[in-house]
Amino acid sequence: MALHHSEETHQNLVARLSHATGRDLPEWLRALEDGPAFLRFEDRVKWLRAEYGIAHGHATAIVHEHDLQRAQRYFG
């Protein structure tokens, strides 16, 4: 599944993560790293939503940011 919102919306969601969820981005990235090894984007989004009860938009932004940072580590 691809990201369905604009880059501006993505940045706004990331900026508001700590206010909306009580956790900042590095904490969410660690949760994904420590969580189940789902390969599909949507499976990771569904897991975050089920495990932590966060909104779909925030879960999508977290997974997308995780993918961006992981790609940068490997290809950057």
C-alpha atoms as a PDB file:
ATOM      1  CA  MET A   1       0.000   0.000   0.000  1.00  0.00           C
ATOM      2  CA  ALA A   2       1.341   3.394  -0.906  1.00  0.00           C
ATOM      3  CA  LEU A   3       1.105   6.532   1.142  1.00  0.00           C
ATOM      4  CA  HIS A   4      -2.195   8.234   0.302  1.00  0.00           C
ATOM      5  CA  HIS A   5      -1.631  11.704   1.664  1.00  0.00           C
ATOM      6  CA  SER A   6       0.532  14.577   0.469  1.00  0.00           C
ATOM      7  CA  GLU A   7       4.042  15.246   1.727  1.00  0.00           C
ATOM      8  CA  GLU A   8       2.699  18.331   3.519  1.00  0.00           C
ATOM      9  CA  THR A   9       0.053  16.265   5.304  1.00  0.00           C
ATOM     10  CA  HIS A  10       2.680  13.655   6.178  1.00  0.00           C
ATOM     11  CA  GLN A  11       4.926  16.307   7.727  1.00  0.00           C
ATOM     12  CA  ASN A  12       1.998  17.764   9.687  1.00  0.00           C
ATOM     13  CA  LEU A  13       1.067  14.324  11.033  1.00  0.00           C
ATOM     14  CA  VAL A  14       4.664  13.636  12.080  1.00  0.00           C
ATOM     15  CA  ALA A  15       4.933  17.065  13.728  1.00  0.00           C
ATOM     16  CA  ARG A  16       1.774  16.414  15.779  1.00  0.00           C
ATOM     17  CA  LEU A  17       2.581  12.818  16.761  1.00  0.00           C
ATOM     18  CA  SER A  18       3.651  13.521  20.319  1.00  0.00           C
ATOM     19  CA  HIS A  19       0.634  15.740  20.979  1.00  0.00           C
ATOM     20  CA  ALA A  20      -1.826  13.295  19.405  1.00  0.00           C
ATOM     21  CA  THR A  21      -0.347  10.037  20.712  1.00  0.00           C
ATOM     22  CA  GLY A  22       1.741  10.921  23.760  1.00  0.00           C
ATOM     23  CA  ARG A  23       4.873   9.496  22.100  1.00  0.00           C
ATOM     24  CA  ASP A  24       7.410  11.130  19.836  1.00  0.00           C
ATOM     25  CA  LEU A  25       8.580   9.777  16.487  1.00  0.00           C
ATOM     26  CA  PRO A  26      11.736   8.007  17.772  1.00  0.00           C
ATOM     27  CA  GLU A  27       9.592   6.073  20.263  1.00  0.00           C
ATOM     28  CA  TRP A  28       7.223   4.991  17.477  1.00  0.00           C
ATOM     29  CA  LEU A  29      10.121   3.965  15.259  1.00  0.00           C
ATOM     30  CA  ARG A  30      11.490   1.816  18.094  1.00  0.00           C
ATOM     31  CA  ALA A  31       8.057   0.259  18.567  1.00  0.00           C
ATOM     32  CA  LEU A  32       8.051  -0.745  14.899  1.00  0.00           C
ATOM     33  CA  GLU A  33      11.592  -2.099  15.131  1.00  0.00           C
ATOM     34  CA  ASP A  34      10.711  -4.120  18.237  1.00  0.00           C
ATOM     35  CA  GLY A  35       7.306  -5.262  16.950  1.00  0.00           C
ATOM     36  CA  PRO A  36       6.383  -8.100  14.627  1.00  0.00           C
ATOM     37  CA  ALA A  37       8.349  -8.358  11.390  1.00  0.00           C
ATOM     38  CA  PHE A  38       5.504  -7.583   9.001  1.00  0.00           C
ATOM     39  CA  LEU A  39       6.710  -6.938   5.471  1.00  0.00           C
ATOM     40  CA  ARG A  40       3.654  -5.229   4.033  1.00  0.00           C
ATOM     41  CA  PHE A  41       3.048  -1.535   4.710  1.00  0.00           C
ATOM     42  CA  GLU A  42      -0.626  -2.051   5.500  1.00  0.00           C
ATOM     43  CA  ASP A  43       0.104  -4.903   7.933  1.00  0.00           C
ATOM     44  CA  ARG A  44       2.389  -2.619   9.934  1.00  0.00           C
ATOM     45  CA  VAL A  45      -0.246   0.143   9.904  1.00  0.00           C
ATOM     46  CA  LYS A  46      -2.915  -2.304  11.099  1.00  0.00           C
ATOM     47  CA  TRP A  47      -0.623  -3.598  13.839  1.00  0.00           C
ATOM     48  CA  LEU A  48       0.085  -0.080  15.167  1.00  0.00           C
ATOM     49  CA  ARG A  49      -3.614   0.734  15.163  1.00  0.00           C
ATOM     50  CA  ALA A  50      -4.585  -2.502  16.934  1.00  0.00           C
ATOM     51  CA  GLU A  51      -1.703  -2.520  19.409  1.00  0.00           C
ATOM     52  CA  TYR A  52      -1.731   1.168  20.360  1.00  0.00           C
ATOM     53  CA  GLY A  53      -5.170   2.435  19.332  1.00  0.00           C
ATOM     54  CA  ILE A  54      -3.844   5.295  17.211  1.00  0.00           C
ATOM     55  CA  ALA A  55      -5.554   6.877  14.219  1.00  0.00           C
ATOM     56  CA  HIS A  56      -5.002   5.493  10.731  1.00  0.00           C
ATOM     57  CA  GLY A  57      -3.347   8.710   9.517  1.00  0.00           C
ATOM     58  CA  HIS A  58      -0.824   8.715  12.343  1.00  0.00           C
ATOM     59  CA  ALA A  59      -0.065   5.021  11.909  1.00  0.00           C
ATOM     60  CA  THR A  60       0.439   5.538   8.183  1.00  0.00           C
ATOM     61  CA  ALA A  61       2.761   8.486   8.807  1.00  0.00           C
ATOM     62  CA  ILE A  62       4.821   6.462  11.302  1.00  0.00           C
ATOM     63  CA  VAL A  63       5.230   3.511   8.938  1.00  0.00           C
ATOM     64  CA  HIS A  64       6.054   5.786   6.010  1.00  0.00           C
ATOM     65  CA  GLU A  65       8.664   7.663   8.061  1.00  0.00           C
ATOM     66  CA  HIS A  66      10.114   4.349   9.221  1.00  0.00           C
ATOM     67  CA  ASP A  67      10.433   3.211   5.604  1.00  0.00           C
ATOM     68  CA  LEU A  68      12.064   6.506   4.582  1.00  0.00           C
ATOM     69  CA  GLN A  69      14.606   6.352   7.392  1.00  0.00           C
ATOM     70  CA  ARG A  70      15.357   2.681   6.806  1.00  0.00           C
ATOM     71  CA  ALA A  71      15.928   3.318   3.085  1.00  0.00           C
ATOM     72  CA  GLN A  72      18.218   6.217   3.912  1.00  0.00           C
ATOM     73  CA  ARG A  73      20.304   3.965   6.189  1.00  0.00           C
ATOM     74  CA  TYR A  74      20.715   1.371   3.458  1.00  0.00           C
ATOM     75  CA  PHE A  75      20.913   3.521   0.352  1.00  0.00           C
ATOM     76  CA  GLY A  76      21.928   6.945   1.654  1.00  0.00           C
END
